[in-house]
């Protein structure tokens, strides 16, 4: 059950990183790594990407929970058919990352984000991510790539 392991490892890994950030980084603190290209910081995101729906946290939890549920059902059905490994991997990445962020929303009322990129574009520099966000994005790309193949 490789795909279930992927979901579990992603959830656990991001859970661990969020705990470390919560314990060891203050909201004002900034730590640069990778020659200043990545900035470690703590940010509480009460909405979805780019604080979308931050004023409707209950509705956002319901929507995110529904998406995770639907993807979980599709994932399970694809697992039973033993087809589409690229799409299964993509959904596994989304489920692991999405479940981690949903867990934060339910237990804390916000998602813990903890790194941003230093780029030439100021708008991008202000966006704070977590590893789950990266896996959700990567999983979405895989679904598009493998879903468009015949």
Protein backbone atom coordinates (compact mmCIF):
# COMPACT_ATOMS: atom_id res chain seq x y z
CA UNK A 1 0.00 0.00 0.00
CA UNK A 2 2.54 2.51 -1.24
CA UNK A 3 0.02 5.26 -1.86
CA UNK A 4 -1.41 5.07 1.66
CA UNK A 5 2.14 5.31 3.00
CA UNK A 6 2.72 8.44 0.93
CA UNK A 7 -0.39 10.06 2.40
CA UNK A 8 0.64 9.12 5.96
CA UNK A 9 4.27 10.22 5.59
CA UNK A 10 3.28 13.59 4.11
CA UNK A 11 0.75 14.21 6.86
CA UNK A 12 3.18 13.20 9.61
CA UNK A 13 6.11 15.11 8.10
CA UNK A 14 4.22 18.38 7.82
CA UNK A 15 2.69 17.83 11.28
CA UNK A 16 6.22 17.49 12.71
CA UNK A 17 7.51 20.58 10.86
CA UNK A 18 4.55 22.66 12.03
CA UNK A 19 5.17 21.55 15.63
CA UNK A 20 8.82 22.58 15.35
CA UNK A 21 7.89 25.99 13.96
CA UNK A 22 5.27 26.48 16.68
CA UNK A 23 7.82 25.65 19.40
CA UNK A 24 10.95 27.34 18.10
CA UNK A 25 10.01 30.31 15.90
CA UNK A 26 8.30 33.49 17.07
CA UNK A 27 5.89 35.33 14.77
CA UNK A 28 8.41 38.17 14.39
CA UNK A 29 11.41 35.94 13.69
CA UNK A 30 12.86 35.35 10.21
CA UNK A 31 15.58 32.78 9.46
CA UNK A 32 17.17 32.62 6.03
CA UNK A 33 18.34 29.32 4.55
CA UNK A 34 19.61 28.21 1.13
CA UNK A 35 21.73 31.37 0.77
CA UNK A 36 18.74 33.56 1.59
CA UNK A 37 16.48 32.07 -1.10
CA UNK A 38 14.09 30.62 1.51
CA UNK A 39 12.90 32.42 4.62
CA UNK A 40 11.63 30.43 7.60
CA UNK A 41 8.92 32.29 9.50
CA UNK A 42 5.66 31.59 11.29
CA UNK A 43 2.36 32.70 9.83
CA UNK A 44 -1.18 31.74 10.78
CA UNK A 45 -3.34 31.55 7.68
CA UNK A 46 -7.02 31.70 8.62
CA UNK A 47 -8.15 31.32 5.01
CA UNK A 48 -7.24 29.18 2.04
CA UNK A 49 -4.51 30.14 -0.45
CA UNK A 50 -3.76 33.86 -0.24
CA UNK A 51 -6.19 34.13 2.71
CA UNK A 52 -9.18 33.36 0.49
CA UNK A 53 -12.34 32.97 2.61
CA UNK A 54 -10.59 33.99 5.84
CA UNK A 55 -13.83 35.61 7.03
CA UNK A 56 -15.77 32.35 6.57
CA UNK A 57 -13.69 29.75 8.45
CA UNK A 58 -16.58 27.37 9.12
CA UNK A 59 -17.60 27.28 5.45
CA UNK A 60 -13.95 26.86 4.47
CA UNK A 61 -13.61 23.83 6.79
CA UNK A 62 -16.73 22.29 5.25
CA UNK A 63 -15.50 22.89 1.69
CA UNK A 64 -12.01 21.54 2.44
CA UNK A 65 -13.48 18.53 4.24
CA UNK A 66 -15.79 17.81 1.30
CA UNK A 67 -12.92 18.04 -1.18
CA UNK A 68 -10.80 15.67 0.92
CA UNK A 69 -13.74 13.26 1.21
CA UNK A 70 -14.45 13.25 -2.54
CA UNK A 71 -10.76 12.87 -3.40
CA UNK A 72 -10.50 10.06 -0.85
CA UNK A 73 -13.35 8.20 -2.52
CA UNK A 74 -11.83 8.66 -6.00
CA UNK A 75 -8.44 7.58 -4.62
CA UNK A 76 -9.96 4.44 -3.10
CA UNK A 77 -11.77 3.53 -6.33
CA UNK A 78 -8.60 4.01 -8.38
CA UNK A 79 -6.65 1.89 -5.89
CA UNK A 80 -9.14 -0.95 -6.34
CA UNK A 81 -8.74 -0.81 -10.13
CA UNK A 82 -4.93 -0.69 -9.85
CA UNK A 83 -4.81 1.79 -12.74
CA UNK A 84 -3.47 5.29 -13.30
CA UNK A 85 -0.36 5.33 -11.07
CA UNK A 86 0.42 8.96 -12.00
CA UNK A 87 -3.04 10.13 -11.01
CA UNK A 88 -2.93 7.99 -7.86
CA UNK A 89 0.35 9.60 -6.89
CA UNK A 90 -1.09 13.05 -7.54
CA UNK A 91 -4.18 12.36 -5.44
CA UNK A 92 -2.00 10.84 -2.69
CA UNK A 93 0.06 14.04 -2.54
CA UNK A 94 -3.07 16.18 -2.39
CA UNK A 95 -4.65 13.97 0.29
CA UNK A 96 -1.56 14.01 2.51
CA UNK A 97 -1.14 17.78 2.23
CA UNK A 98 -4.83 18.56 2.30
CA UNK A 99 -5.46 16.39 5.36
CA UNK A 100 -2.62 18.11 7.22
CA UNK A 101 -4.00 21.57 6.46
CA UNK A 102 -7.55 20.46 7.26
CA UNK A 103 -6.35 19.07 10.60
CA UNK A 104 -4.89 22.50 11.42
CA UNK A 105 -8.12 24.25 10.41
CA UNK A 106 -10.19 21.98 12.64
CA UNK A 107 -7.88 21.88 15.69
CA UNK A 108 -6.39 25.40 15.62
CA UNK A 109 -8.73 27.49 13.50
CA UNK A 110 -5.85 28.34 11.14
CA UNK A 111 -3.16 26.68 9.07
CA UNK A 112 0.44 27.04 10.19
CA UNK A 113 2.56 28.25 7.28
CA UNK A 114 6.30 28.53 7.75
CA UNK A 115 8.37 29.43 4.72
CA UNK A 116 8.48 31.87 1.87
CA UNK A 117 10.73 32.35 -1.12
CA UNK A 118 12.99 35.30 -1.73
CA UNK A 119 12.45 36.27 -5.36
CA UNK A 120 12.68 39.42 -7.48
CA UNK A 121 8.86 39.67 -7.21
CA UNK A 122 7.71 41.36 -4.00
CA UNK A 123 4.19 39.91 -4.20
CA UNK A 124 5.54 36.36 -4.27
CA UNK A 125 7.90 37.14 -1.38
CA UNK A 126 4.93 37.94 0.86
CA UNK A 127 3.24 34.55 0.36
CA UNK A 128 3.96 32.07 3.15
CA UNK A 129 3.68 28.33 2.47
CA UNK A 130 4.03 25.01 4.22
CA UNK A 131 5.21 21.69 2.81
CA UNK A 132 1.59 20.54 2.45
CA UNK A 133 0.93 23.43 0.07
CA UNK A 134 3.83 22.30 -2.11
CA UNK A 135 2.53 18.73 -2.23
CA UNK A 136 -1.00 19.89 -3.05
CA UNK A 137 0.42 21.96 -5.91
CA UNK A 138 2.66 19.13 -7.15
CA UNK A 139 -0.21 16.62 -6.90
CA UNK A 140 -2.44 18.91 -8.94
CA UNK A 141 0.22 19.18 -11.65
CA UNK A 142 0.59 15.39 -11.77
CA UNK A 143 -3.17 14.95 -12.14
CA UNK A 144 -3.23 17.42 -15.03
CA UNK A 145 -0.24 15.76 -16.73
CA UNK A 146 -1.39 12.16 -16.30
CA UNK A 147 -5.07 12.99 -16.75
CA UNK A 148 -4.40 14.48 -20.16
CA UNK A 149 -2.64 11.31 -21.40
CA UNK A 150 -4.61 8.61 -23.16
